[in-house]
């Protein structure tokens, strides 16, 4: 005999599972907050060069566009002569 799946009860079951998982994760975060902060700190320390590089690249992007446009104008005029 094949069980019939009721879509309404399946949806309720999924919502209950997601809520229970969120509660367990939240409780674990509260209990083990020292370890979680150490992990987050170590991940940020590993990614800090990448974050600094992205920030510097973002800040220097307007200067790069200005220099590129200047050089294009400069060299496009010299080719015509």
N, C-alpha and C. Protein backbone atom coordinates (compact mmCIF):
# COMPACT_ATOMS: atom_id res chain seq x y z
N UNK A 1 0.83 -1.16 0.00
CA UNK A 1 0.00 0.00 0.00
C UNK A 1 0.89 1.24 0.00
N UNK A 2 0.69 2.09 -0.98
CA UNK A 2 1.49 3.29 -1.13
C UNK A 2 0.85 4.43 -0.34
N UNK A 3 1.68 5.11 0.51
CA UNK A 3 1.10 6.22 1.28
C UNK A 3 0.82 7.41 0.38
N UNK A 4 -0.24 8.11 0.68
CA UNK A 4 -0.60 9.30 -0.08
C UNK A 4 -0.03 10.53 0.64
N UNK A 5 0.70 11.32 -0.09
CA UNK A 5 1.30 12.52 0.48
C UNK A 5 0.32 13.67 0.39
N UNK A 6 0.10 14.27 1.53
CA UNK A 6 -0.75 15.45 1.59
C UNK A 6 0.16 16.68 1.53
N UNK A 7 -0.02 17.51 0.54
CA UNK A 7 0.86 18.65 0.34
C UNK A 7 0.82 19.63 1.51
N UNK A 8 -0.33 19.79 2.11
CA UNK A 8 -0.49 20.70 3.23
C UNK A 8 0.35 20.23 4.43
N UNK A 9 0.26 18.95 4.76
CA UNK A 9 1.00 18.43 5.91
C UNK A 9 2.50 18.33 5.62
N UNK A 10 2.85 18.09 4.39
CA UNK A 10 4.27 18.07 4.03
C UNK A 10 4.88 19.46 4.19
N UNK A 11 4.15 20.48 3.78
CA UNK A 11 4.62 21.85 3.93
C UNK A 11 4.76 22.22 5.40
N UNK A 12 3.81 21.84 6.20
CA UNK A 12 3.87 22.10 7.64
C UNK A 12 5.06 21.40 8.25
N UNK A 13 5.32 20.18 7.84
CA UNK A 13 6.45 19.41 8.35
C UNK A 13 7.77 20.07 7.98
N UNK A 14 7.89 20.57 6.78
CA UNK A 14 9.11 21.25 6.36
C UNK A 14 9.31 22.52 7.17
N UNK A 15 8.26 23.29 7.38
CA UNK A 15 8.36 24.51 8.19
C UNK A 15 8.78 24.19 9.63
N UNK A 16 8.24 23.14 10.19
CA UNK A 16 8.61 22.74 11.55
C UNK A 16 10.08 22.34 11.60
N UNK A 17 10.53 21.59 10.60
CA UNK A 17 11.93 21.16 10.55
C UNK A 17 12.87 22.36 10.44
N UNK A 18 12.54 23.33 9.57
CA UNK A 18 13.39 24.51 9.41
C UNK A 18 13.41 25.34 10.69
N UNK A 19 12.27 25.47 11.34
CA UNK A 19 12.21 26.22 12.60
C UNK A 19 13.02 25.54 13.69
N UNK A 20 12.90 24.22 13.79
CA UNK A 20 13.67 23.47 14.80
C UNK A 20 15.16 23.58 14.53
N UNK A 21 15.57 23.51 13.27
CA UNK A 21 16.99 23.64 12.94
C UNK A 21 17.49 25.03 13.28
N UNK A 22 16.69 26.06 13.03
CA UNK A 22 17.09 27.43 13.36
C UNK A 22 17.22 27.62 14.87
N UNK A 23 16.30 27.03 15.62
CA UNK A 23 16.36 27.13 17.09
C UNK A 23 17.60 26.43 17.62
N UNK A 24 17.91 25.26 17.07
CA UNK A 24 19.10 24.52 17.52
C UNK A 24 20.37 25.30 17.18
N UNK A 25 20.43 25.87 15.99
CA UNK A 25 21.61 26.67 15.62
C UNK A 25 21.75 27.90 16.50
N UNK A 26 20.64 28.56 16.79
CA UNK A 26 20.68 29.74 17.64
C UNK A 26 21.13 29.38 19.06
N UNK A 27 20.59 28.29 19.60
CA UNK A 27 20.99 27.85 20.94
C UNK A 27 22.46 27.46 20.97
N UNK A 28 22.94 26.81 19.93
CA UNK A 28 24.35 26.44 19.86
C UNK A 28 25.23 27.69 19.79
N UNK A 29 24.77 28.68 19.05
CA UNK A 29 25.53 29.93 18.95
C UNK A 29 25.62 30.63 20.30
N UNK A 30 24.55 30.56 21.08
CA UNK A 30 24.57 31.18 22.40
C UNK A 30 25.47 30.41 23.36
N UNK A 31 25.40 29.10 23.31
CA UNK A 31 26.19 28.28 24.23
C UNK A 31 27.68 28.34 23.89
N UNK A 32 28.00 28.25 22.61
CA UNK A 32 29.40 28.18 22.19
C UNK A 32 29.85 29.48 21.53
N UNK A 33 29.43 30.62 22.07
CA UNK A 33 29.74 31.90 21.44
C UNK A 33 31.23 32.20 21.41
N UNK A 34 31.99 31.76 22.41
CA UNK A 34 33.43 32.01 22.40
C UNK A 34 34.10 31.32 21.22
N UNK A 35 33.75 30.07 21.00
CA UNK A 35 34.35 29.33 19.88
C UNK A 35 33.93 29.92 18.54
N UNK A 36 32.69 30.33 18.45
CA UNK A 36 32.20 30.90 17.19
C UNK A 36 32.91 32.21 16.89
N UNK A 37 33.12 33.05 17.90
CA UNK A 37 33.83 34.31 17.68
C UNK A 37 35.28 34.05 17.28
N UNK A 38 35.91 33.01 17.85
CA UNK A 38 37.28 32.67 17.46
C UNK A 38 37.33 32.24 16.00
N UNK A 39 36.36 31.45 15.58
CA UNK A 39 36.32 31.00 14.19
C UNK A 39 36.10 32.18 13.25
N UNK A 40 35.16 33.06 13.61
CA UNK A 40 34.89 34.23 12.77
C UNK A 40 36.12 35.12 12.68
N UNK A 41 36.80 35.32 13.81
CA UNK A 41 38.01 36.13 13.82
C UNK A 41 39.10 35.52 12.93
N UNK A 42 39.26 34.20 12.98
CA UNK A 42 40.29 33.57 12.17
C UNK A 42 39.94 33.64 10.68
N UNK A 43 38.66 33.50 10.35
CA UNK A 43 38.26 33.61 8.94
C UNK A 43 38.50 35.03 8.43
N UNK A 44 38.16 36.04 9.23
CA UNK A 44 38.41 37.42 8.81
C UNK A 44 39.89 37.73 8.71
N UNK A 45 40.70 37.14 9.60
CA UNK A 45 42.14 37.38 9.50
C UNK A 45 42.71 36.73 8.25
N UNK A 46 42.15 35.61 7.83
CA UNK A 46 42.61 34.98 6.60
C UNK A 46 42.15 35.76 5.37
N UNK A 47 40.96 36.34 5.43
CA UNK A 47 40.41 37.06 4.28
C UNK A 47 40.75 38.54 4.26
N UNK A 48 41.42 39.04 5.28
CA UNK A 48 41.70 40.48 5.35
C UNK A 48 42.53 40.98 4.16
N UNK A 49 43.55 40.27 3.66
CA UNK A 49 44.25 40.78 2.48
C UNK A 49 43.33 40.91 1.26
N UNK A 50 42.43 39.97 1.09
CA UNK A 50 41.49 40.03 -0.03
C UNK A 50 40.54 41.21 0.14
N UNK A 51 40.06 41.42 1.35
CA UNK A 51 39.15 42.54 1.62
C UNK A 51 39.85 43.87 1.38
N UNK A 52 41.11 44.00 1.85
CA UNK A 52 41.86 45.23 1.62
C UNK A 52 42.10 45.44 0.13
N UNK A 53 42.43 44.38 -0.60
CA UNK A 53 42.65 44.50 -2.03
C UNK A 53 41.42 44.96 -2.78
N UNK A 54 40.27 44.41 -2.42
CA UNK A 54 39.02 44.82 -3.06
C UNK A 54 38.71 46.28 -2.74
N UNK A 55 38.94 46.68 -1.51
CA UNK A 55 38.67 48.07 -1.13
C UNK A 55 39.59 49.04 -1.86
N UNK A 56 40.86 48.71 -1.96
CA UNK A 56 41.81 49.58 -2.67
C UNK A 56 41.46 49.64 -4.15
N UNK A 57 41.11 48.51 -4.72
CA UNK A 57 40.72 48.48 -6.13
C UNK A 57 39.47 49.33 -6.37
N UNK A 58 38.51 49.25 -5.48
CA UNK A 58 37.28 50.05 -5.61
C UNK A 58 37.59 51.54 -5.52
N UNK A 59 38.48 51.91 -4.61
CA UNK A 59 38.80 53.32 -4.44
C UNK A 59 39.64 53.87 -5.59
N UNK A 60 40.48 53.03 -6.21
CA UNK A 60 41.33 53.49 -7.29
C UNK A 60 40.70 53.37 -8.67
N UNK A 61 39.53 52.80 -8.75
CA UNK A 61 38.87 52.59 -10.04
C UNK A 61 38.59 53.90 -10.78
N UNK A 62 38.10 54.97 -10.15
CA UNK A 62 37.89 56.23 -10.90
C UNK A 62 39.19 56.81 -11.45
N UNK A 63 40.26 56.71 -10.68
CA UNK A 63 41.55 57.21 -11.15
C UNK A 63 42.03 56.40 -12.35
N UNK A 64 41.83 55.10 -12.33
CA UNK A 64 42.20 54.24 -13.43
C UNK A 64 41.42 54.58 -14.70
N UNK A 65 40.12 54.80 -14.56
CA UNK A 65 39.31 55.19 -15.73
C UNK A 65 39.75 56.53 -16.30
N UNK A 66 40.10 57.48 -15.43
CA UNK A 66 40.53 58.79 -15.89
C UNK A 66 41.86 58.68 -16.65
N UNK A 67 42.80 57.92 -16.13
CA UNK A 67 44.10 57.75 -16.80
C UNK A 67 43.92 57.02 -18.13
N UNK A 68 43.07 55.99 -18.16
CA UNK A 68 42.83 55.26 -19.40
C UNK A 68 42.21 56.15 -20.47
N UNK A 69 41.24 56.96 -20.10
CA UNK A 69 40.62 57.84 -21.09
C UNK A 69 41.62 58.89 -21.59
N UNK A 70 42.47 59.38 -20.70
CA UNK A 70 43.50 60.34 -21.12
C UNK A 70 44.48 59.71 -22.09
N UNK A 71 44.92 58.50 -21.80
CA UNK A 71 45.88 57.82 -22.67
C UNK A 71 45.25 57.45 -24.01
N UNK A 72 43.98 57.08 -24.02
CA UNK A 72 43.30 56.79 -25.30
C UNK A 72 43.24 58.03 -26.17
N UNK A 73 42.90 59.17 -25.59
CA UNK A 73 42.85 60.41 -26.36
C UNK A 73 44.24 60.79 -26.86
N UNK A 74 45.24 60.60 -26.02
CA UNK A 74 46.60 60.96 -26.38
C UNK A 74 47.11 60.12 -27.54
N UNK A 75 46.91 58.81 -27.46
CA UNK A 75 47.43 57.92 -28.50
C UNK A 75 46.56 57.89 -29.75
N UNK A 76 45.29 58.19 -29.64
CA UNK A 76 44.45 58.23 -30.84
C UNK A 76 44.81 59.44 -31.70
N UNK A 77 45.21 60.54 -31.09
CA UNK A 77 45.64 61.71 -31.84
C UNK A 77 46.99 61.47 -32.51
N UNK A 78 47.88 60.76 -31.83
CA UNK A 78 49.22 60.54 -32.39
C UNK A 78 49.18 59.57 -33.58
N UNK A 79 48.23 58.66 -33.64
CA UNK A 79 48.12 57.74 -34.78
C UNK A 79 47.64 58.45 -36.02
N UNK A 80 46.82 59.48 -35.88
CA UNK A 80 46.30 60.20 -37.04
C UNK A 80 47.38 61.02 -37.73
N UNK A 81 48.40 61.46 -37.01
CA UNK A 81 49.46 62.29 -37.58
C UNK A 81 50.41 61.45 -38.31
